[in-house]
Amino acid sequence: IHSFKGNKAHGATKKCLHLDDGLTTAAGQTKMYSNFPVDWQSYINTDLALYLATMGADWGGESKLEQQMYFLPPSYTLIEDFTAYKCIEHGIWGRGSRIKVTGAKIADCQIGAQFPGDGNIFENSFIVGETDNIGTRKWP
């Protein structure tokens, strides 16, 4: 997902927005995903990328191409103005790296938002826990 804007979800039996279920390893474990720069070709030419993809990794990752991507400027999956309410579990569940949520409104969910991973940003958003919706609205 490169951009996700102005969406709404409610009444989900589990998660209103579920970013997960990425690639799995041979052992059946789900791998965390990362969002590498969309314009990576301006940093690494295609021939070099194909060559690096065939070489085993020296540290973390599966290939030298994957390792090289970590040194490039980050790119984020952008979730803007998302609204979630009355979800049984999560308003947003996002497993992975470099997920940026801005302007979100989450209410009446057991768990507002959870991001197991690194480099994620949750800003200019608000989460309201369960409420009884008791009271009278006062208009300005």
N, C-alpha and C. Protein backbone atom coordinates (compact mmCIF):
# COMPACT_ATOMS: atom_id res chain seq x y z
N ILE A 1 0.86 -1.17 0.00
CA ILE A 1 0.00 0.00 0.00
C ILE A 1 0.90 1.22 0.00
N HIS A 2 0.75 2.06 -0.97
CA HIS A 2 1.53 3.29 -0.98
C HIS A 2 0.73 4.43 -0.35
N SER A 3 -0.59 4.48 -0.61
CA SER A 3 -1.42 5.52 -0.03
C SER A 3 -2.81 4.97 0.26
N PHE A 4 -3.37 5.40 1.38
CA PHE A 4 -4.67 4.92 1.85
C PHE A 4 -5.29 6.12 2.55
N LYS A 5 -6.33 6.75 1.98
CA LYS A 5 -6.81 8.03 2.51
C LYS A 5 -8.33 8.08 2.62
N GLY A 6 -8.80 8.57 3.79
CA GLY A 6 -10.21 8.86 3.99
C GLY A 6 -11.13 7.66 4.12
N ASN A 7 -10.60 6.51 4.46
CA ASN A 7 -11.43 5.31 4.57
C ASN A 7 -12.04 5.19 5.96
N LYS A 8 -13.16 4.44 6.04
CA LYS A 8 -13.86 4.22 7.31
C LYS A 8 -14.16 2.73 7.45
N ALA A 9 -14.13 2.27 8.72
CA ALA A 9 -14.48 0.87 9.00
C ALA A 9 -15.18 0.82 10.35
N HIS A 10 -16.18 -0.05 10.48
CA HIS A 10 -16.84 -0.18 11.78
C HIS A 10 -17.46 -1.57 11.91
N GLY A 11 -17.64 -1.97 13.15
CA GLY A 11 -18.34 -3.22 13.44
C GLY A 11 -17.62 -4.48 13.01
N ALA A 12 -16.32 -4.43 12.81
CA ALA A 12 -15.58 -5.62 12.38
C ALA A 12 -15.50 -6.61 13.54
N THR A 13 -15.57 -7.90 13.23
CA THR A 13 -15.52 -8.91 14.28
C THR A 13 -14.11 -9.08 14.83
N LYS A 14 -13.11 -8.63 14.13
CA LYS A 14 -11.72 -8.72 14.63
C LYS A 14 -11.06 -7.35 14.51
N LYS A 15 -10.43 -7.08 13.36
CA LYS A 15 -9.66 -5.85 13.17
C LYS A 15 -10.29 -5.02 12.06
N CYS A 16 -10.43 -3.71 12.30
CA CYS A 16 -10.99 -2.84 11.26
C CYS A 16 -10.01 -2.67 10.10
N LEU A 17 -8.74 -2.40 10.38
CA LEU A 17 -7.72 -2.31 9.34
C LEU A 17 -6.61 -3.27 9.71
N HIS A 18 -6.38 -4.27 8.87
CA HIS A 18 -5.44 -5.35 9.17
C HIS A 18 -4.33 -5.34 8.12
N LEU A 19 -3.16 -4.84 8.51
CA LEU A 19 -1.98 -4.85 7.63
C LEU A 19 -1.06 -5.94 8.14
N ASP A 20 -1.11 -7.09 7.52
CA ASP A 20 -0.36 -8.24 8.02
C ASP A 20 -0.38 -9.31 6.94
N ASP A 21 -0.15 -10.53 7.36
CA ASP A 21 -0.19 -11.68 6.46
C ASP A 21 0.72 -11.49 5.26
N GLY A 22 1.97 -11.09 5.56
CA GLY A 22 2.95 -10.89 4.50
C GLY A 22 3.50 -12.21 4.01
N LEU A 23 4.67 -12.17 3.43
CA LEU A 23 5.32 -13.37 2.92
C LEU A 23 5.64 -14.32 4.07
N THR A 24 5.62 -15.60 3.80
CA THR A 24 5.96 -16.56 4.84
C THR A 24 7.24 -17.30 4.47
N THR A 25 7.97 -17.71 5.49
CA THR A 25 9.21 -18.47 5.27
C THR A 25 8.85 -19.92 5.00
N ALA A 26 9.85 -20.71 4.66
CA ALA A 26 9.63 -22.14 4.42
C ALA A 26 9.10 -22.82 5.68
N ALA A 27 9.43 -22.26 6.85
CA ALA A 27 8.96 -22.84 8.12
C ALA A 27 7.53 -22.38 8.46
N GLY A 28 6.93 -21.55 7.60
CA GLY A 28 5.56 -21.11 7.82
C GLY A 28 5.43 -19.89 8.71
N GLN A 29 6.54 -19.20 9.01
CA GLN A 29 6.47 -18.00 9.84
C GLN A 29 6.27 -16.78 8.95
N THR A 30 5.40 -15.87 9.40
CA THR A 30 5.16 -14.64 8.64
C THR A 30 6.35 -13.71 8.82
N LYS A 31 6.87 -13.20 7.71
CA LYS A 31 7.99 -12.26 7.75
C LYS A 31 7.45 -10.84 7.90
N MET A 32 8.17 -10.04 8.67
CA MET A 32 7.85 -8.62 8.73
C MET A 32 8.16 -8.04 7.36
N TYR A 33 7.39 -7.06 6.94
CA TYR A 33 7.70 -6.43 5.66
C TYR A 33 8.19 -5.02 5.90
N SER A 34 8.91 -4.50 4.95
CA SER A 34 9.39 -3.12 5.01
C SER A 34 9.03 -2.46 3.70
N ASN A 35 8.85 -1.18 3.74
CA ASN A 35 8.53 -0.41 2.54
C ASN A 35 9.79 0.29 2.08
N PHE A 36 10.40 -0.26 1.06
CA PHE A 36 11.60 0.34 0.53
C PHE A 36 11.22 1.43 -0.46
N PRO A 37 12.14 2.33 -0.77
CA PRO A 37 11.80 3.44 -1.66
C PRO A 37 11.18 2.99 -2.96
N VAL A 38 10.11 3.65 -3.33
CA VAL A 38 9.43 3.33 -4.58
C VAL A 38 10.37 3.63 -5.75
N ASP A 39 11.18 4.66 -5.62
CA ASP A 39 12.08 5.05 -6.70
C ASP A 39 13.50 4.50 -6.49
N TRP A 40 13.60 3.26 -6.01
CA TRP A 40 14.91 2.68 -5.72
C TRP A 40 15.81 2.64 -6.94
N GLN A 41 15.22 2.63 -8.14
CA GLN A 41 16.04 2.55 -9.35
C GLN A 41 16.86 3.81 -9.59
N SER A 42 16.51 4.91 -8.91
CA SER A 42 17.34 6.11 -9.05
C SER A 42 18.59 5.99 -8.17
N TYR A 43 18.64 4.98 -7.31
CA TYR A 43 19.80 4.76 -6.44
C TYR A 43 20.62 3.54 -6.85
N ILE A 44 19.96 2.51 -7.38
CA ILE A 44 20.65 1.27 -7.79
C ILE A 44 20.14 0.91 -9.19
N ASN A 45 21.06 0.69 -10.13
CA ASN A 45 20.59 0.33 -11.46
C ASN A 45 20.08 -1.11 -11.48
N THR A 46 19.25 -1.43 -12.44
CA THR A 46 18.58 -2.73 -12.51
C THR A 46 19.56 -3.89 -12.60
N ASP A 47 20.62 -3.74 -13.39
CA ASP A 47 21.60 -4.83 -13.52
C ASP A 47 22.26 -5.14 -12.18
N LEU A 48 22.64 -4.10 -11.43
CA LEU A 48 23.25 -4.30 -10.12
C LEU A 48 22.24 -4.94 -9.17
N ALA A 49 20.99 -4.50 -9.23
CA ALA A 49 19.95 -5.06 -8.36
C ALA A 49 19.77 -6.56 -8.62
N LEU A 50 19.74 -6.96 -9.88
CA LEU A 50 19.61 -8.38 -10.21
C LEU A 50 20.80 -9.18 -9.70
N TYR A 51 22.00 -8.62 -9.83
CA TYR A 51 23.20 -9.28 -9.36
C TYR A 51 23.18 -9.43 -7.83
N LEU A 52 22.86 -8.34 -7.12
CA LEU A 52 22.83 -8.39 -5.66
C LEU A 52 21.75 -9.34 -5.14
N ALA A 53 20.67 -9.47 -5.87
CA ALA A 53 19.58 -10.36 -5.45
C ALA A 53 20.01 -11.82 -5.45
N THR A 54 21.02 -12.17 -6.24
CA THR A 54 21.48 -13.56 -6.30
C THR A 54 22.52 -13.88 -5.22
N MET A 55 23.02 -12.86 -4.54
CA MET A 55 24.08 -13.06 -3.54
C MET A 55 23.48 -13.17 -2.14
N GLY A 56 23.94 -14.14 -1.39
CA GLY A 56 23.48 -14.32 -0.02
C GLY A 56 23.83 -13.13 0.87
N ALA A 57 23.02 -12.91 1.88
CA ALA A 57 23.22 -11.78 2.79
C ALA A 57 24.37 -12.04 3.75
N ASP A 58 25.09 -10.97 4.10
CA ASP A 58 26.14 -11.06 5.11
C ASP A 58 25.55 -10.92 6.51
N TRP A 59 24.49 -10.13 6.63
CA TRP A 59 23.80 -9.89 7.90
C TRP A 59 22.34 -9.63 7.59
N GLY A 60 21.42 -9.89 8.47
CA GLY A 60 19.98 -9.65 8.32
C GLY A 60 19.48 -9.57 6.89
N GLY A 61 18.40 -10.19 6.60
CA GLY A 61 17.85 -10.19 5.26
C GLY A 61 18.25 -11.46 4.52
N GLU A 62 17.72 -11.58 3.32
CA GLU A 62 17.96 -12.80 2.55
C GLU A 62 18.97 -12.63 1.43
N SER A 63 19.21 -11.38 1.02
CA SER A 63 20.15 -11.16 -0.08
C SER A 63 20.88 -9.83 0.14
N LYS A 64 21.93 -9.64 -0.62
CA LYS A 64 22.66 -8.37 -0.54
C LYS A 64 21.81 -7.22 -1.07
N LEU A 65 20.89 -7.51 -1.98
CA LEU A 65 19.99 -6.46 -2.47
C LEU A 65 19.13 -5.95 -1.32
N GLU A 66 18.57 -6.87 -0.54
CA GLU A 66 17.75 -6.47 0.60
C GLU A 66 18.56 -5.64 1.59
N GLN A 67 19.81 -6.04 1.83
CA GLN A 67 20.68 -5.28 2.73
C GLN A 67 20.94 -3.88 2.18
N GLN A 68 21.18 -3.77 0.88
CA GLN A 68 21.47 -2.47 0.27
C GLN A 68 20.29 -1.52 0.42
N MET A 69 19.07 -2.04 0.38
CA MET A 69 17.87 -1.20 0.49
C MET A 69 17.80 -0.48 1.83
N TYR A 70 18.38 -1.06 2.87
CA TYR A 70 18.33 -0.44 4.19
C TYR A 70 19.10 0.88 4.24
N PHE A 71 20.02 1.10 3.31
CA PHE A 71 20.81 2.32 3.30
C PHE A 71 20.17 3.43 2.47
N LEU A 72 19.05 3.14 1.82
CA LEU A 72 18.37 4.13 1.00
C LEU A 72 17.38 4.93 1.85
N PRO A 73 16.98 6.11 1.39
CA PRO A 73 16.00 6.90 2.15
C PRO A 73 14.71 6.09 2.32
N PRO A 74 14.08 6.18 3.50
CA PRO A 74 12.88 5.38 3.75
C PRO A 74 11.65 5.86 2.99
N SER A 75 10.77 4.94 2.74
CA SER A 75 9.47 5.21 2.14
C SER A 75 8.44 4.64 3.10
N TYR A 76 7.34 5.31 3.29
CA TYR A 76 6.33 4.86 4.24
C TYR A 76 5.03 4.46 3.56
N THR A 77 4.35 3.47 4.13
CA THR A 77 2.96 3.23 3.79
C THR A 77 2.19 4.30 4.54
N LEU A 78 1.44 5.12 3.83
CA LEU A 78 0.77 6.26 4.44
C LEU A 78 -0.73 5.98 4.60
N ILE A 79 -1.20 6.02 5.85
CA ILE A 79 -2.61 5.85 6.17
C ILE A 79 -3.09 7.22 6.66
N GLU A 80 -3.95 7.89 5.89
CA GLU A 80 -4.40 9.24 6.25
C GLU A 80 -5.90 9.27 6.51
N ASP A 81 -6.29 9.99 7.56
CA ASP A 81 -7.69 10.26 7.86
C ASP A 81 -8.53 8.99 7.93
N PHE A 82 -8.01 7.96 8.55
CA PHE A 82 -8.74 6.69 8.70
C PHE A 82 -9.63 6.77 9.94
N THR A 83 -10.86 6.31 9.83
CA THR A 83 -11.80 6.28 10.95
C THR A 83 -12.20 4.83 11.21
N ALA A 84 -12.08 4.42 12.48
CA ALA A 84 -12.49 3.05 12.87
C ALA A 84 -13.27 3.15 14.18
N TYR A 85 -14.41 2.46 14.24
CA TYR A 85 -15.16 2.44 15.50
C TYR A 85 -15.95 1.15 15.64
N LYS A 86 -16.15 0.78 16.90
CA LYS A 86 -16.87 -0.42 17.30
C LYS A 86 -16.31 -1.69 16.65
N CYS A 87 -14.99 -1.83 16.74
CA CYS A 87 -14.32 -3.05 16.28
C CYS A 87 -14.10 -3.93 17.51
N ILE A 88 -14.28 -5.22 17.38
CA ILE A 88 -14.14 -6.11 18.53
C ILE A 88 -12.70 -6.10 19.05
N GLU A 89 -11.72 -6.10 18.17
CA GLU A 89 -10.32 -6.11 18.62
C GLU A 89 -9.63 -4.78 18.33
N HIS A 90 -8.93 -4.69 17.22
CA HIS A 90 -8.09 -3.53 16.89
C HIS A 90 -8.79 -2.57 15.94
N GLY A 91 -8.54 -1.28 16.17
CA GLY A 91 -8.91 -0.29 15.16
C GLY A 91 -7.96 -0.41 13.98
N ILE A 92 -6.66 -0.47 14.30
CA ILE A 92 -5.62 -0.69 13.28
C ILE A 92 -4.61 -1.70 13.83
N TRP A 93 -4.31 -2.71 13.05
CA TRP A 93 -3.24 -3.66 13.34
C TRP A 93 -2.29 -3.56 12.16
N GLY A 94 -1.04 -3.17 12.40
CA GLY A 94 -0.10 -3.03 11.31
C GLY A 94 1.24 -3.65 11.63
N ARG A 95 1.45 -4.88 11.18
CA ARG A 95 2.74 -5.52 11.41
C ARG A 95 3.64 -5.22 10.23
N GLY A 96 4.78 -4.66 10.52
CA GLY A 96 5.74 -4.31 9.49
C GLY A 96 6.52 -3.09 9.92
N SER A 97 7.26 -2.53 9.00
CA SER A 97 8.08 -1.36 9.28
C SER A 97 7.64 -0.21 8.40
N ARG A 98 7.86 0.98 8.89
CA ARG A 98 7.62 2.20 8.13
C ARG A 98 6.16 2.37 7.71
N ILE A 99 5.27 2.27 8.69
CA ILE A 99 3.87 2.57 8.49
C ILE A 99 3.63 3.92 9.16
N LYS A 100 3.05 4.86 8.45
CA LYS A 100 2.78 6.19 9.02
C LYS A 100 1.28 6.43 8.99
N VAL A 101 0.71 6.64 10.19
CA VAL A 101 -0.72 6.92 10.33
C VAL A 101 -0.86 8.35 10.80
N THR A 102 -1.64 9.13 10.09
CA THR A 102 -1.87 10.52 10.47
C THR A 102 -3.34 10.86 10.31
N GLY A 103 -3.87 11.62 11.27
CA GLY A 103 -5.26 12.06 11.20
C GLY A 103 -6.28 10.96 11.46
N ALA A 104 -5.87 9.89 12.15
CA ALA A 104 -6.80 8.78 12.40
C ALA A 104 -7.73 9.10 13.57
N LYS A 105 -8.94 8.54 13.50
CA LYS A 105 -9.92 8.67 14.57
C LYS A 105 -10.40 7.26 14.89
N ILE A 106 -10.11 6.81 16.11
CA ILE A 106 -10.44 5.43 16.50
C ILE A 106 -11.24 5.48 17.80
N ALA A 107 -12.38 4.78 17.85
CA ALA A 107 -13.21 4.79 19.06
C ALA A 107 -13.89 3.44 19.25
N ASP A 108 -14.14 3.13 20.51
CA ASP A 108 -14.87 1.92 20.91
C ASP A 108 -14.26 0.63 20.35
N CYS A 109 -12.95 0.53 20.40
CA CYS A 109 -12.25 -0.68 20.00
C CYS A 109 -11.50 -1.20 21.22
N GLN A 110 -11.43 -2.51 21.39
CA GLN A 110 -10.72 -3.07 22.53
C GLN A 110 -9.27 -2.59 22.58
N ILE A 111 -8.61 -2.62 21.43
CA ILE A 111 -7.23 -2.11 21.29
C ILE A 111 -7.26 -1.10 20.16
N GLY A 112 -6.92 0.14 20.45
CA GLY A 112 -7.01 1.18 19.44
C GLY A 112 -6.13 0.90 18.23
N ALA A 113 -4.82 0.89 18.45
CA ALA A 113 -3.88 0.67 17.35
C ALA A 113 -2.65 -0.04 17.88
N GLN A 114 -2.12 -0.96 17.10
CA GLN A 114 -0.93 -1.70 17.51
C GLN A 114 -0.05 -1.92 16.29
N PHE A 115 1.25 -1.64 16.46
CA PHE A 115 2.21 -1.74 15.36
C PHE A 115 3.44 -2.51 15.81
N PRO A 116 3.41 -3.84 15.81
CA PRO A 116 4.63 -4.58 16.14
C PRO A 116 5.60 -4.49 14.95
N GLY A 117 6.64 -3.78 15.14
CA GLY A 117 7.61 -3.53 14.08
C GLY A 117 8.38 -2.29 14.46
N ASP A 118 9.25 -1.83 13.59
CA ASP A 118 10.03 -0.65 13.92
C ASP A 118 9.85 0.45 12.88
N GLY A 119 10.12 1.67 13.31
CA GLY A 119 10.05 2.80 12.39
C GLY A 119 8.65 3.26 12.06
N ASN A 120 7.63 2.86 12.84
CA ASN A 120 6.26 3.27 12.57
C ASN A 120 5.94 4.59 13.25
N ILE A 121 5.05 5.37 12.64
CA ILE A 121 4.69 6.69 13.16
C ILE A 121 3.17 6.77 13.28
N PHE A 122 2.68 7.23 14.44
CA PHE A 122 1.26 7.46 14.68
C PHE A 122 1.16 8.89 15.19
N GLU A 123 0.65 9.82 14.34
CA GLU A 123 0.67 11.22 14.71
C GLU A 123 -0.63 11.93 14.36
N ASN A 124 -0.87 13.05 15.06
CA ASN A 124 -2.04 13.88 14.82
C ASN A 124 -3.31 13.05 14.74
N SER A 125 -3.45 12.09 15.61
CA SER A 125 -4.59 11.18 15.62
C SER A 125 -5.11 11.08 17.04
N PHE A 126 -6.30 10.52 17.20
CA PHE A 126 -6.77 10.30 18.56
C PHE A 126 -7.51 8.98 18.67
N ILE A 127 -7.46 8.44 19.89
CA ILE A 127 -8.11 7.17 20.20
C ILE A 127 -8.98 7.40 21.43
N VAL A 128 -10.25 7.00 21.33
CA VAL A 128 -11.19 7.08 22.45
C VAL A 128 -11.55 5.65 22.83
N GLY A 129 -11.42 5.33 24.12
CA GLY A 129 -11.76 3.98 24.57
C GLY A 129 -13.26 3.75 24.54
N GLU A 130 -13.69 2.67 25.14
CA GLU A 130 -15.12 2.37 25.17
C GLU A 130 -15.85 3.42 25.98
N THR A 131 -17.01 3.82 25.50
CA THR A 131 -17.81 4.83 26.18
C THR A 131 -19.26 4.37 26.27
N ASP A 132 -20.00 4.98 27.18
CA ASP A 132 -21.44 4.70 27.30
C ASP A 132 -22.26 5.66 26.45
N ASN A 133 -21.59 6.64 25.83
CA ASN A 133 -22.27 7.66 25.03
C ASN A 133 -23.39 8.34 25.82
N ILE A 134 -23.12 8.63 27.07
CA ILE A 134 -24.10 9.31 27.93
C ILE A 134 -23.81 10.80 27.93
N GLY A 135 -24.83 11.59 27.84
CA GLY A 135 -24.65 13.04 27.91
C GLY A 135 -25.36 13.74 26.78
N THR A 136 -25.31 15.04 26.83
CA THR A 136 -25.93 15.87 25.83
C THR A 136 -24.84 16.70 25.17
N ARG A 137 -24.82 16.63 23.88
CA ARG A 137 -23.80 17.38 23.17
C ARG A 137 -24.08 18.88 23.29
N LYS A 138 -23.04 19.63 23.56
CA LYS A 138 -23.15 21.08 23.66
C LYS A 138 -22.55 21.67 22.38
N TRP A 139 -23.38 22.32 21.62
CA TRP A 139 -22.91 22.92 20.38
C TRP A 139 -22.26 24.25 20.68
N PRO A 140 -21.20 24.58 19.98
CA PRO A 140 -20.51 25.86 20.24
C PRO A 140 -21.37 27.06 19.91
